[in-house]
Amino acid sequence: FFLNEIERSTAKMAQDSSTDMEEASSSNYHSLPEETAGTKGGVGIESRTLFHDEPASVSVEQAPLFSASLEATLITVCYMSLASMLGSFLRIILAQLFGEECKNPGTVGWLAAASPLCVTNDGVVSQVGGIVFADFPANMLGSFFMGMMLSGDRLLLPISIPIAFLDKDHAFQQWDVIHLAIRTGFCGSLTTFSSWNSDMVVMMFGAGNTHSQVARAVFGYLIGMETSMGSFVFGSKVAWWIHRNINPDLAKEADAIIQRKEEGVYIHNQLPDFERRFLLDLVMELESHDEKAVSQLELWRQSTIEARRVGNANLSNLIDIETCILVHREHLVSPELEEIAQANGWNLNALLKWFQYKYADQTTIDPLLMDAKKFTLKGALLCLFVVYVLLFWGLAVINSDDSYSITYRTMIFAAIVAPSGALLRWQLGKYNGTFRWELWSWIPVGTLTANILGCIVSIVAIATELRLNQDGDFSFWVIGTLRAIKIGFAGSLTTVSTFVSEVSLFMKSPMLPYRAYLYILLTLASCNAIGTLLYATIVYII
């Protein structure tokens, strides 16, 4: 008889597999070890007898097509592409709702008569204005969403959780792929720096029958920056308020931690709830545990009191030890850390005894991992494929030359190219903090580069379309491609939500808050200068 499945053998048996197979062919039975669940985290081995009349066949597992890291990257690419399409679509819809139908009546088919909110103006047509630029509402909404999506670390909460406004035990906390897709893909594509900068540049030159509006353009930069920052802060405050209401214990802990911070005590917010609160000696009700076990944790706390203060030379080593044992649930630390603990008189044995009491019987590091959403590459590729098929089908079916059809085709075309801009920005973001000049190493060079490149593409597309309209009529595929590149690619390549998030982080720096204003000035000035030079060259010189 044969078993339907054969468990993997130990490493020793793998080395002797060829010998075992020869012996198996001449014997009536043989034994294979089978791993079974042991006690207290151990692994027991029991023997299973396999009877057979002929040599057993051995199934060889096929190597995966992609490595784990490559597969994770491809899954992220798929979901980020879908999120960027959604963000780009919503940005276009908001622009139409708040101003496009007012500028060009009868071009937005889904808006009924008298329903548009005539608020925005892109400064390109003969109307005077443009301070409240076309993508002004989208930048505000996207910045608000980015503030809502802040982590516990950014909001200075007592616990490190990916999404602050959700319960700490919510399964969505483990969906890191979706977190990145929402922040980088959706929010980054919903907001756009290129459109904002291009509108201000066009206003400075004047377009159509308008005169130069330099002063209005300057105010457009100021208002756009202030409203986006305000929306981001508002979103973060909403997330903080929701967090306190759905996590009352953490809210009490946050209030109790204020005094400890004033005393200069470091808050290790990655520790489990009980250990974090006990080691900080917070005045609040704690869950009950065995007194003898708690006494061991008390010995550890007493021996490490001085090392917990901000500025202590051994604070980083203390954090590494507690992270290793209490967060990663490893019962051993490196010899270097063990020597440091002994040299400083830290009662490491007491901490290990506490670990043995609380975590020895646990087989998982985090209970949330059991409920974490599993994202497969096949599912991600299928979703992306279906969406692209629908978009290309819509682009082929809607082929009329009326205003409604051109508007819809432009929206679809822009959504098709939007992922390329978002993915390029995502990759450029990896270079943040890698500037070689030490004096300027703090600059998010990746985000800055993405915004500058997007502004270049956007202003070139606008200037080129203006020249083509002066020379004569062109087909949709000429003008539509330029608009898709401007709205879809450049709009998703640039971002306001990430920009204001970085500015907010600089402003909270206790030592160097002025960097926020330098970063704002550098971004606005460089994009405006480059955009002005390119627009003047294409429209007035070439």
Protein backbone atom coordinates (compact mmCIF):
# COMPACT_ATOMS: atom_id res chain seq x y z
CA PHE A 1 0.00 0.00 0.00
CA PHE A 2 1.13 3.52 -0.61
CA LEU A 3 0.52 6.77 1.25
CA ASN A 4 -1.11 9.60 -0.65
CA GLU A 5 1.38 12.08 0.73
CA ILE A 6 4.92 11.72 2.03
CA GLU A 7 6.11 14.26 4.57
CA ARG A 8 9.49 15.82 4.11
CA SER A 9 12.24 13.91 5.80
CA THR A 10 14.96 15.37 7.95
CA ALA A 11 18.20 16.72 6.53
CA LYS A 12 20.09 13.59 7.46
CA MET A 13 17.69 11.34 5.58
CA ALA A 14 17.85 13.68 2.58
CA GLN A 15 21.60 13.09 2.43
CA ASP A 16 21.11 9.32 2.58
CA SER A 17 18.12 9.21 0.23
CA SER A 18 19.90 7.31 -2.53
CA THR A 19 20.94 4.55 -0.14
CA ASP A 20 17.45 4.37 1.34
CA MET A 21 15.92 3.94 -2.10
CA GLU A 22 18.16 1.00 -2.91
CA GLU A 23 17.31 -0.69 0.37
CA ALA A 24 13.61 0.01 -0.13
CA SER A 25 13.55 -1.88 -3.41
CA SER A 26 14.63 -5.15 -1.76
CA SER A 27 12.71 -4.95 1.50
CA ASN A 28 9.04 -5.42 2.39
CA TYR A 29 8.74 -2.22 4.37
CA HIS A 30 10.67 0.78 5.64
CA SER A 31 10.06 3.66 8.04
CA LEU A 32 10.04 7.37 7.38
CA PRO A 33 10.09 9.98 10.11
CA GLU A 34 7.07 12.23 10.31
CA GLU A 35 7.06 15.58 12.07
CA THR A 36 4.25 15.94 14.52
CA ALA A 37 3.31 18.74 16.83
CA GLY A 38 5.27 18.55 20.04
CA THR A 39 4.70 20.10 23.39
CA LYS A 40 5.77 23.56 24.49
CA GLY A 41 6.92 24.61 21.06
CA GLY A 42 8.92 21.42 20.51
CA VAL A 43 8.72 19.13 17.52
CA GLY A 44 8.21 15.41 18.10
CA ILE A 45 9.29 12.69 15.65
CA GLU A 46 7.33 9.51 15.22
CA SER A 47 7.87 6.63 12.84
CA ARG A 48 5.36 5.59 10.19
CA THR A 49 5.66 2.18 8.56
CA LEU A 50 5.10 1.98 4.82
CA PHE A 51 4.28 -1.44 3.33
CA HIS A 52 4.81 -1.93 -0.37
CA ASP A 53 5.58 -4.51 -3.00
CA GLU A 54 7.77 -2.30 -5.15
CA PRO A 55 9.93 0.77 -4.71
CA ALA A 56 7.98 3.80 -3.60
CA SER A 57 7.83 6.68 -6.03
CA VAL A 58 9.22 9.95 -4.79
CA SER A 59 7.51 13.18 -5.87
CA VAL A 60 9.82 16.13 -6.46
CA GLU A 61 8.38 19.57 -5.78
CA GLN A 62 8.61 21.89 -8.74
CA ALA A 63 10.62 25.02 -8.10
CA PRO A 64 8.50 28.18 -7.99
CA LEU A 65 8.48 30.29 -11.12
CA PHE A 66 9.38 33.45 -9.18
CA SER A 67 11.35 34.01 -6.03
CA ALA A 68 9.40 35.11 -2.97
CA SER A 69 10.71 38.67 -3.17
CA LEU A 70 9.94 38.97 -6.89
CA GLU A 71 6.46 37.55 -6.40
CA ALA A 72 5.78 40.04 -3.59
CA THR A 73 6.98 42.87 -5.84
CA LEU A 74 4.72 41.78 -8.70
CA ILE A 75 1.72 41.56 -6.37
CA THR A 76 2.47 45.05 -5.11
CA VAL A 77 2.79 46.34 -8.69
CA CYS A 78 -0.62 44.90 -9.60
CA TYR A 79 -2.52 46.37 -6.67
CA MET A 80 -0.70 49.70 -6.88
CA SER A 81 -1.62 49.91 -10.57
CA LEU A 82 -5.28 49.31 -9.76
CA ALA A 83 -5.19 51.93 -6.99
CA SER A 84 -3.52 54.48 -9.26
CA MET A 85 -6.25 53.98 -11.89
CA LEU A 86 -8.91 54.60 -9.27
CA GLY A 87 -7.12 57.70 -7.98
CA SER A 88 -6.68 59.08 -11.50
CA PHE A 89 -10.35 58.47 -12.35
CA LEU A 90 -11.52 60.23 -9.19
CA ARG A 91 -9.21 63.19 -9.83
CA ILE A 92 -10.65 63.66 -13.33
CA ILE A 93 -14.23 63.36 -12.06
CA LEU A 94 -13.63 65.98 -9.35
CA ALA A 95 -12.10 68.36 -11.91
CA GLN A 96 -15.15 67.93 -14.12
CA LEU A 97 -17.59 68.36 -11.24
CA PHE A 98 -15.99 71.52 -9.86
CA GLY A 99 -15.04 73.34 -13.04
CA GLU A 100 -14.65 71.55 -16.38
CA GLU A 101 -18.32 71.63 -17.30
CA CYS A 102 -18.42 75.34 -16.45
CA LYS A 103 -15.42 76.07 -18.68
CA ASN A 104 -16.63 73.92 -21.59
CA PRO A 105 -20.42 73.46 -21.29
CA GLY A 106 -21.79 70.28 -22.80
CA THR A 107 -18.57 68.26 -22.64
CA VAL A 108 -19.22 66.21 -19.50
CA GLY A 109 -22.04 63.81 -20.24
CA TRP A 110 -22.60 62.42 -16.76
CA LEU A 111 -23.34 65.87 -15.29
CA ALA A 112 -26.91 67.07 -15.58
CA ALA A 113 -27.65 70.67 -16.46
CA ALA A 114 -27.02 73.18 -13.64
CA SER A 115 -25.43 70.48 -11.46
CA PRO A 116 -21.72 71.42 -11.83
CA LEU A 117 -20.06 73.31 -8.97
CA CYS A 118 -18.37 76.20 -10.76
CA VAL A 119 -15.51 76.60 -8.31
CA THR A 120 -12.24 75.91 -10.12
CA ASN A 121 -10.55 77.35 -13.19
CA ASP A 122 -7.32 76.17 -14.80
CA GLY A 123 -6.21 79.64 -15.92
CA VAL A 124 -5.73 78.42 -19.50
CA VAL A 125 -8.83 79.84 -21.17
CA SER A 126 -9.91 83.44 -21.60
CA GLN A 127 -11.35 83.58 -18.09
CA VAL A 128 -9.37 85.55 -15.55
CA GLY A 129 -8.52 83.34 -12.61
CA GLY A 130 -6.97 80.01 -11.83
CA ILE A 131 -5.93 80.54 -8.22
CA VAL A 132 -8.40 77.79 -7.33
CA PHE A 133 -6.90 75.52 -9.98
CA ALA A 134 -8.62 72.57 -11.64
CA ASP A 135 -7.24 69.84 -9.35
CA PHE A 136 -7.59 71.89 -6.17
CA PRO A 137 -10.41 69.66 -4.75
CA ALA A 138 -8.54 66.45 -5.61
CA ASN A 139 -5.40 67.65 -3.82
CA MET A 140 -7.40 68.48 -0.73
CA LEU A 141 -9.22 65.13 -0.71
CA GLY A 142 -6.09 63.09 -1.38
CA SER A 143 -4.15 64.90 1.35
CA PHE A 144 -7.01 64.23 3.77
CA PHE A 145 -6.95 60.51 2.94
CA MET A 146 -3.17 60.44 3.41
CA GLY A 147 -3.59 61.95 6.86
CA MET A 148 -6.22 59.34 7.68
CA MET A 149 -3.83 56.55 6.65
CA LEU A 150 -1.05 57.54 9.05
CA SER A 151 0.49 54.87 11.27
CA GLY A 152 0.64 54.85 15.04
CA ASP A 153 4.28 55.94 14.93
CA ARG A 154 3.45 59.08 12.96
CA LEU A 155 0.66 60.01 15.37
CA LEU A 156 2.93 59.33 18.38
CA LEU A 157 0.59 56.67 19.72
CA PRO A 158 1.73 54.33 22.50
CA ILE A 159 1.62 51.36 20.12
CA SER A 160 3.07 50.86 16.67
CA ILE A 161 0.23 49.92 14.31
CA PRO A 162 0.13 50.41 10.51
CA ILE A 163 -3.31 52.08 10.40
CA ALA A 164 -3.99 54.27 13.42
CA PHE A 165 -7.76 54.74 12.99
CA LEU A 166 -8.50 50.99 13.11
CA ASP A 167 -8.61 48.68 16.08
CA LYS A 168 -5.15 47.30 16.83
CA ASP A 169 -6.43 43.73 16.34
CA HIS A 170 -8.22 44.42 13.05
CA ALA A 171 -7.22 42.03 10.26
CA PHE A 172 -6.68 44.96 7.87
CA GLN A 173 -3.65 45.95 9.95
CA GLN A 174 -1.78 43.09 8.25
CA TRP A 175 -2.68 44.02 4.68
CA ASP A 176 0.57 45.86 4.03
CA VAL A 177 0.20 45.46 0.27
CA ILE A 178 -3.09 47.36 0.33
CA HIS A 179 -1.67 49.99 2.69
CA LEU A 180 1.07 50.77 0.19
CA ALA A 181 -1.39 50.70 -2.70
CA ILE A 182 -3.68 53.21 -0.97
CA ARG A 183 -0.94 55.58 0.17
CA THR A 184 1.32 55.49 -2.88
CA GLY A 185 -1.06 54.39 -5.60
CA PHE A 186 -4.44 55.91 -4.74
CA CYS A 187 -3.55 59.02 -2.72
CA GLY A 188 -0.47 59.75 -4.82
CA SER A 189 -2.48 59.56 -8.07
CA LEU A 190 -5.53 61.35 -6.69
CA THR A 191 -3.32 64.35 -5.89
CA THR A 192 -1.12 65.91 -8.53
CA PHE A 193 1.65 68.47 -8.32
CA SER A 194 2.18 68.74 -12.08
CA SER A 195 -1.29 70.08 -12.88
CA TRP A 196 -1.07 72.60 -10.04
CA ASN A 197 2.35 73.85 -11.16
CA SER A 198 1.38 73.93 -14.85
CA ASP A 199 -1.73 76.01 -14.17
CA MET A 200 0.34 78.54 -12.23
CA VAL A 201 2.97 78.75 -14.98
CA VAL A 202 0.31 79.31 -17.66
CA MET A 203 -1.27 82.02 -15.49
CA MET A 204 2.05 83.82 -15.21
CA PHE A 205 2.31 84.04 -19.00
CA GLY A 206 -1.37 84.56 -19.71
CA ALA A 207 -3.31 82.44 -22.19
CA GLY A 208 -6.05 83.11 -24.66
CA ASN A 209 -7.26 86.68 -24.16
CA THR A 210 -5.94 87.04 -20.61
CA HIS A 211 -3.02 89.10 -19.46
CA SER A 212 -0.19 87.95 -17.26
CA GLN A 213 -1.37 87.00 -13.76
CA VAL A 214 1.88 86.68 -11.82
CA ALA A 215 0.44 87.88 -8.52
CA ARG A 216 -2.49 85.49 -8.77
CA ALA A 217 -0.13 82.64 -9.59
CA VAL A 218 1.92 83.35 -6.45
CA PHE A 219 -1.26 83.28 -4.37
CA GLY A 220 -2.23 80.07 -6.17
CA TYR A 221 0.93 78.41 -4.88
CA LEU A 222 0.31 79.69 -1.34
CA ILE A 223 -3.35 78.69 -1.24
CA GLY A 224 -2.66 75.28 -2.77
CA MET A 225 0.08 74.58 -0.23
CA GLU A 226 -1.91 75.76 2.79
CA THR A 227 -5.12 73.93 1.90
CA SER A 228 -3.29 70.67 1.19
CA MET A 229 -1.40 70.92 4.47
CA GLY A 230 -4.60 71.77 6.32
CA SER A 231 -6.41 68.79 4.78
CA PHE A 232 -3.56 66.48 5.74
CA VAL A 233 -3.54 67.71 9.33
CA PHE A 234 -7.34 67.44 9.49
CA GLY A 235 -7.16 63.84 8.26
CA SER A 236 -4.53 62.98 10.87
CA LYS A 237 -6.67 64.53 13.63
CA VAL A 238 -9.69 62.53 12.50
CA ALA A 239 -7.60 59.34 12.56
CA TRP A 240 -6.34 60.22 16.05
CA TRP A 241 -9.88 60.89 17.32
CA ILE A 242 -11.20 57.61 15.89
CA HIS A 243 -8.26 55.74 17.40
CA ARG A 244 -9.02 57.03 20.88
CA ASN A 245 -12.68 56.09 20.61
CA ILE A 246 -12.22 52.53 19.35
CA ASN A 247 -9.14 51.83 21.51
CA PRO A 248 -10.06 53.23 24.96
CA ASP A 249 -7.27 51.33 26.75
CA LEU A 250 -4.67 52.78 24.42
CA ALA A 251 -6.18 56.24 24.92
CA LYS A 252 -5.74 55.90 28.69
CA GLU A 253 -2.20 54.69 28.13
CA ALA A 254 -1.43 57.66 25.87
CA ASP A 255 -2.55 60.03 28.62
CA ALA A 256 -0.44 58.19 31.19
CA ILE A 257 2.61 58.23 28.93
CA ILE A 258 2.71 62.03 28.75
CA GLN A 259 4.31 62.28 32.19
CA ARG A 260 6.85 59.55 31.39
CA LYS A 261 7.88 61.41 28.23
CA GLU A 262 8.35 64.60 30.22
CA GLU A 263 10.65 62.63 32.55
CA GLY A 264 12.80 61.67 29.56
CA VAL A 265 11.81 57.99 29.41
CA TYR A 266 11.94 56.33 25.99
CA ILE A 267 8.65 54.77 24.82
CA HIS A 268 9.22 51.42 23.10
CA ASN A 269 5.89 51.23 21.30
CA GLN A 270 6.58 47.92 19.56
CA LEU A 271 6.37 45.94 22.79
CA PRO A 272 3.23 43.95 23.65
CA ASP A 273 0.65 45.83 25.70
CA PHE A 274 1.37 44.34 29.12
CA GLU A 275 5.16 44.54 28.88
CA ARG A 276 5.08 48.07 27.48
CA ARG A 277 2.84 49.36 30.25
CA PHE A 278 4.57 47.41 33.03
CA LEU A 279 8.10 48.39 32.06
CA LEU A 280 7.09 52.05 31.84
CA ASP A 281 5.51 51.75 35.32
CA LEU A 282 2.33 53.42 34.13
CA VAL A 283 -0.40 54.21 36.63
CA MET A 284 -3.22 52.20 35.06
CA GLU A 285 -4.97 48.86 35.45
CA LEU A 286 -3.03 45.93 33.99
CA GLU A 287 -4.07 42.42 33.06
CA SER A 288 -3.40 39.77 35.71
CA HIS A 289 -0.51 37.29 35.52
CA ASP A 290 1.20 34.85 37.86
CA GLU A 291 2.88 36.84 40.63
CA LYS A 292 6.11 34.83 40.49
CA ALA A 293 6.39 35.43 36.75
CA VAL A 294 5.64 39.13 37.11
CA SER A 295 8.32 39.35 39.79
CA GLN A 296 10.86 38.26 37.15
CA LEU A 297 9.74 41.06 34.84
CA GLU A 298 10.01 43.44 37.80
CA LEU A 299 13.64 42.38 38.30
CA TRP A 300 14.32 43.17 34.65
CA ARG A 301 12.65 46.55 34.96
CA GLN A 302 14.59 47.52 38.08
CA SER A 303 17.90 46.58 36.49
CA THR A 304 17.25 48.64 33.35
CA ILE A 305 15.67 51.83 34.74
CA GLU A 306 18.56 54.13 33.90
CA ALA A 307 19.08 52.67 30.43
CA ARG A 308 15.49 53.58 29.43
CA ARG A 309 16.15 57.29 29.46
CA VAL A 310 16.51 59.15 26.19
CA GLY A 311 20.18 59.86 25.52
CA ASN A 312 21.52 56.88 27.45
CA ALA A 313 24.43 55.28 25.61
CA ASN A 314 22.99 51.77 26.05
CA LEU A 315 19.38 52.58 25.11
CA SER A 316 19.72 51.14 21.61
CA ASN A 317 21.12 47.87 23.01
CA LEU A 318 18.24 47.63 25.46
CA ILE A 319 15.76 48.15 22.64
CA ASP A 320 17.45 45.41 20.59
CA ILE A 321 17.26 42.91 23.45
CA GLU A 322 13.60 43.57 24.24
CA THR A 323 12.70 43.54 20.54
CA CYS A 324 14.44 40.21 20.07
CA ILE A 325 12.80 38.51 23.05
CA LEU A 326 9.43 40.23 23.49
CA VAL A 327 8.59 41.22 19.92
CA HIS A 328 10.24 38.56 17.75
CA ARG A 329 9.73 35.94 20.49
CA GLU A 330 13.27 34.57 20.30
CA HIS A 331 14.58 33.01 23.50
CA LEU A 332 18.21 33.72 22.63
CA VAL A 333 20.06 36.97 21.94
CA SER A 334 23.39 37.50 20.24
CA PRO A 335 26.54 36.96 22.32
CA GLU A 336 27.38 40.66 21.90
CA LEU A 337 24.08 41.77 23.43
CA GLU A 338 24.43 39.19 26.19
CA GLU A 339 27.86 40.59 27.10
CA ILE A 340 26.46 44.13 27.11
CA ALA A 341 23.62 43.06 29.41
CA GLN A 342 26.06 41.44 31.83
CA ALA A 343 28.40 44.44 31.76
CA ASN A 344 25.53 46.81 32.65
CA GLY A 345 24.06 44.57 35.34
CA TRP A 346 20.84 43.87 33.44
CA ASN A 347 19.04 40.81 34.75
CA LEU A 348 18.69 39.04 31.42
CA ASN A 349 17.87 35.71 33.08
CA ALA A 350 14.81 37.29 34.70
CA LEU A 351 13.57 38.50 31.31
CA LEU A 352 14.09 35.03 29.83
CA LYS A 353 12.12 33.47 32.70
CA TRP A 354 9.25 35.84 31.96
CA PHE A 355 9.48 34.88 28.30
CA GLN A 356 9.36 31.20 29.23
CA TYR A 357 6.24 31.79 31.32
CA LYS A 358 4.27 33.82 28.81
CA TYR A 359 5.41 32.76 25.36
CA ALA A 360 6.83 29.24 25.58
CA ASP A 361 3.45 27.63 24.77
CA GLN A 362 2.67 29.99 21.89
CA THR A 363 3.35 28.77 18.38
CA THR A 364 2.70 32.05 16.59
CA ILE A 365 4.38 35.41 16.97
CA ASP A 366 1.32 37.49 16.29
CA PRO A 367 -2.27 36.19 16.40
CA LEU A 368 -3.18 38.58 13.61
CA LEU A 369 -0.98 36.62 11.24
CA MET A 370 -3.46 33.76 11.40
CA ASP A 371 -6.16 36.02 9.94
CA ALA A 372 -3.94 38.00 7.59
CA LYS A 373 -5.22 38.29 4.06
CA LYS A 374 -3.22 36.18 1.64
CA PHE A 375 -2.63 37.93 -1.65
CA THR A 376 -1.72 35.62 -4.50
CA LEU A 377 0.03 36.60 -7.70
CA LYS A 378 -2.60 34.84 -9.83
CA GLY A 379 -5.41 36.79 -8.21
CA ALA A 380 -3.58 40.11 -8.54
CA LEU A 381 -2.72 39.51 -12.20
CA LEU A 382 -6.29 38.43 -12.96
CA CYS A 383 -7.75 41.60 -11.42
CA LEU A 384 -5.32 43.82 -13.33
CA PHE A 385 -5.93 41.93 -16.58
CA VAL A 386 -9.71 42.24 -16.31
CA VAL A 387 -9.52 45.98 -15.61
CA TYR A 388 -7.19 46.59 -18.55
CA VAL A 389 -9.43 44.55 -20.87
CA LEU A 390 -12.44 46.66 -19.84
CA LEU A 391 -10.51 49.91 -20.33
CA PHE A 392 -9.25 48.98 -23.79
CA TRP A 393 -12.72 47.74 -24.70
CA GLY A 394 -14.19 51.08 -23.65
CA LEU A 395 -11.54 52.95 -25.61
CA ALA A 396 -12.42 50.94 -28.72
CA VAL A 397 -16.20 51.13 -28.34
CA ILE A 398 -16.42 54.86 -27.58
CA ASN A 399 -15.04 56.13 -30.87
CA SER A 400 -17.28 59.07 -31.77
CA ASP A 401 -15.97 62.60 -32.22
CA ASP A 402 -18.60 64.40 -30.14
CA SER A 403 -17.63 66.22 -26.94
CA TYR A 404 -19.03 63.57 -24.62
CA SER A 405 -17.14 60.74 -26.32
CA ILE A 406 -13.86 62.67 -26.36
CA THR A 407 -14.19 63.36 -22.64
CA TYR A 408 -14.82 59.70 -21.80
CA ARG A 409 -12.06 58.46 -24.10
CA THR A 410 -9.62 60.87 -22.49
CA MET A 411 -10.59 59.61 -19.03
CA ILE A 412 -10.05 56.00 -20.09
CA PHE A 413 -6.80 56.77 -21.88
CA ALA A 414 -5.49 58.62 -18.82
CA ALA A 415 -6.38 55.71 -16.53
CA ILE A 416 -4.53 53.29 -18.81
CA VAL A 417 -1.24 55.20 -18.53
CA ALA A 418 -1.67 56.25 -14.87
CA PRO A 419 0.04 53.13 -13.39
CA SER A 420 3.27 53.86 -15.24
CA GLY A 421 3.56 57.22 -13.49
CA ALA A 422 2.64 55.86 -10.06
CA LEU A 423 5.08 52.95 -10.32
CA LEU A 424 7.91 55.23 -11.43
CA ARG A 425 7.23 57.50 -8.44
CA TRP A 426 7.22 54.47 -6.15
CA GLN A 427 10.64 53.42 -7.39
CA LEU A 428 12.02 56.95 -7.17
CA GLY A 429 10.76 57.15 -3.59
CA LYS A 430 13.31 54.48 -2.64
CA TYR A 431 16.03 57.11 -3.12
CA ASN A 432 14.68 59.37 -0.39
CA GLY A 433 17.42 60.10 2.11
CA THR A 434 20.23 58.91 -0.18
CA PHE A 435 21.52 62.32 -1.29
CA ARG A 436 25.32 62.13 -1.23
CA TRP A 437 25.95 65.64 0.10
CA GLU A 438 25.73 65.26 3.85
CA LEU A 439 24.42 68.80 4.30
CA TRP A 440 21.42 68.03 2.05
CA SER A 441 21.04 64.31 2.76
CA TRP A 442 17.74 64.98 4.55
CA ILE A 443 16.00 66.00 1.30
CA PRO A 444 13.48 63.41 -0.01
CA VAL A 445 15.30 63.38 -3.33
CA GLY A 446 13.04 60.67 -4.76
CA THR A 447 9.81 62.62 -4.23
CA LEU A 448 11.46 65.84 -5.39
CA THR A 449 12.70 64.15 -8.58
CA ALA A 450 9.27 62.66 -9.29
CA ASN A 451 7.57 66.05 -8.93
CA ILE A 452 10.14 67.81 -11.12
CA LEU A 453 9.97 65.15 -13.86
CA GLY A 454 6.18 65.17 -13.81
CA CYS A 455 6.07 68.96 -14.03
CA ILE A 456 8.39 68.82 -17.04
CA VAL A 457 6.17 66.29 -18.83
CA SER A 458 2.99 68.20 -17.97
CA ILE A 459 4.12 71.64 -19.12
CA VAL A 460 5.61 70.22 -22.33
CA ALA A 461 2.28 68.48 -23.09
CA ILE A 462 0.29 71.67 -22.41
CA ALA A 463 2.58 73.85 -24.51
CA THR A 464 2.64 71.32 -27.35
CA GLU A 465 -1.16 71.05 -27.38
CA LEU A 466 -1.42 74.84 -27.47
CA ARG A 467 0.88 75.02 -30.49
CA LEU A 468 -1.00 72.25 -32.28
CA ASN A 469 -4.34 73.98 -31.70
CA GLN A 470 -2.88 77.14 -33.25
CA ASP A 471 -1.66 75.24 -36.32
CA GLY A 472 -4.89 73.36 -37.06
CA ASP A 473 -7.16 70.48 -36.07
CA PHE A 474 -5.72 67.10 -35.18
CA SER A 475 -7.26 63.71 -34.49
CA PHE A 476 -8.14 62.47 -31.04
CA TRP A 477 -5.13 60.19 -30.97
CA VAL A 478 -2.80 63.18 -31.17
CA ILE A 479 -4.54 65.51 -28.73
CA GLY A 480 -5.89 62.64 -26.63
CA THR A 481 -2.44 61.14 -26.22
CA LEU A 482 -1.02 64.46 -25.04
CA ARG A 483 -3.85 64.87 -22.54
CA ALA A 484 -3.52 61.26 -21.32
CA ILE A 485 0.20 61.79 -20.75
CA LYS A 486 -0.46 65.07 -18.95
CA ILE A 487 -3.39 63.84 -16.83
CA GLY A 488 -2.58 60.16 -16.44
CA PHE A 489 1.19 59.76 -16.50
CA ALA A 490 2.41 63.15 -15.21
CA GLY A 491 -0.56 63.49 -12.85
CA SER A 492 0.23 60.14 -11.23
CA LEU A 493 4.00 60.62 -11.32
CA THR A 494 3.73 63.76 -9.21
CA THR A 495 2.13 63.86 -5.79
CA VAL A 496 0.93 66.37 -3.26
CA SER A 497 -0.16 63.92 -0.57
CA THR A 498 3.33 62.46 -0.07
CA PHE A 499 4.83 65.95 -0.38
CA VAL A 500 2.73 67.41 2.46
CA SER A 501 3.27 64.25 4.54
CA GLU A 502 7.02 64.80 4.32
CA VAL A 503 6.64 68.50 5.10
CA SER A 504 4.55 67.63 8.16
CA LEU A 505 7.24 65.22 9.34
CA PHE A 506 9.90 67.93 9.03
CA MET A 507 7.74 70.41 10.95
CA LYS A 508 7.48 67.99 13.87
CA SER A 509 11.25 67.71 14.11
CA PRO A 510 12.24 69.27 17.45
CA MET A 511 15.69 70.29 16.23
CA LEU A 512 15.36 71.29 12.57
CA PRO A 513 11.79 72.35 11.72
CA TYR A 514 13.08 74.93 9.23
CA ARG A 515 13.81 72.10 6.81
CA ALA A 516 10.08 71.93 6.06
CA TYR A 517 10.11 75.47 4.66
CA LEU A 518 13.33 74.86 2.73
CA TYR A 519 11.79 71.76 1.18
CA ILE A 520 8.62 73.67 0.20
CA LEU A 521 10.64 76.52 -1.31
CA LEU A 522 12.97 74.16 -3.17
CA THR A 523 10.09 72.17 -4.68
CA LEU A 524 7.91 75.12 -5.69
CA ALA A 525 10.77 77.27 -6.99
CA SER A 526 12.48 74.53 -9.02
CA CYS A 527 9.25 73.30 -10.63
CA ASN A 528 8.13 76.83 -11.45
CA ALA A 529 11.50 77.84 -12.91
CA ILE A 530 11.78 74.73 -15.10
CA GLY A 531 8.15 74.96 -16.16
CA THR A 532 8.48 78.65 -17.05
CA LEU A 533 11.59 78.02 -19.16
CA LEU A 534 10.03 75.09 -21.08
CA TYR A 535 6.68 76.81 -21.66
CA ALA A 536 8.29 79.99 -22.96
CA THR A 537 10.60 78.02 -25.22
CA ILE A 538 7.89 75.89 -26.83
CA VAL A 539 5.15 78.53 -27.14
CA TYR A 540 7.11 81.69 -27.93
CA ILE A 541 10.50 80.66 -29.31
CA ILE A 542 10.30 77.39 -31.26
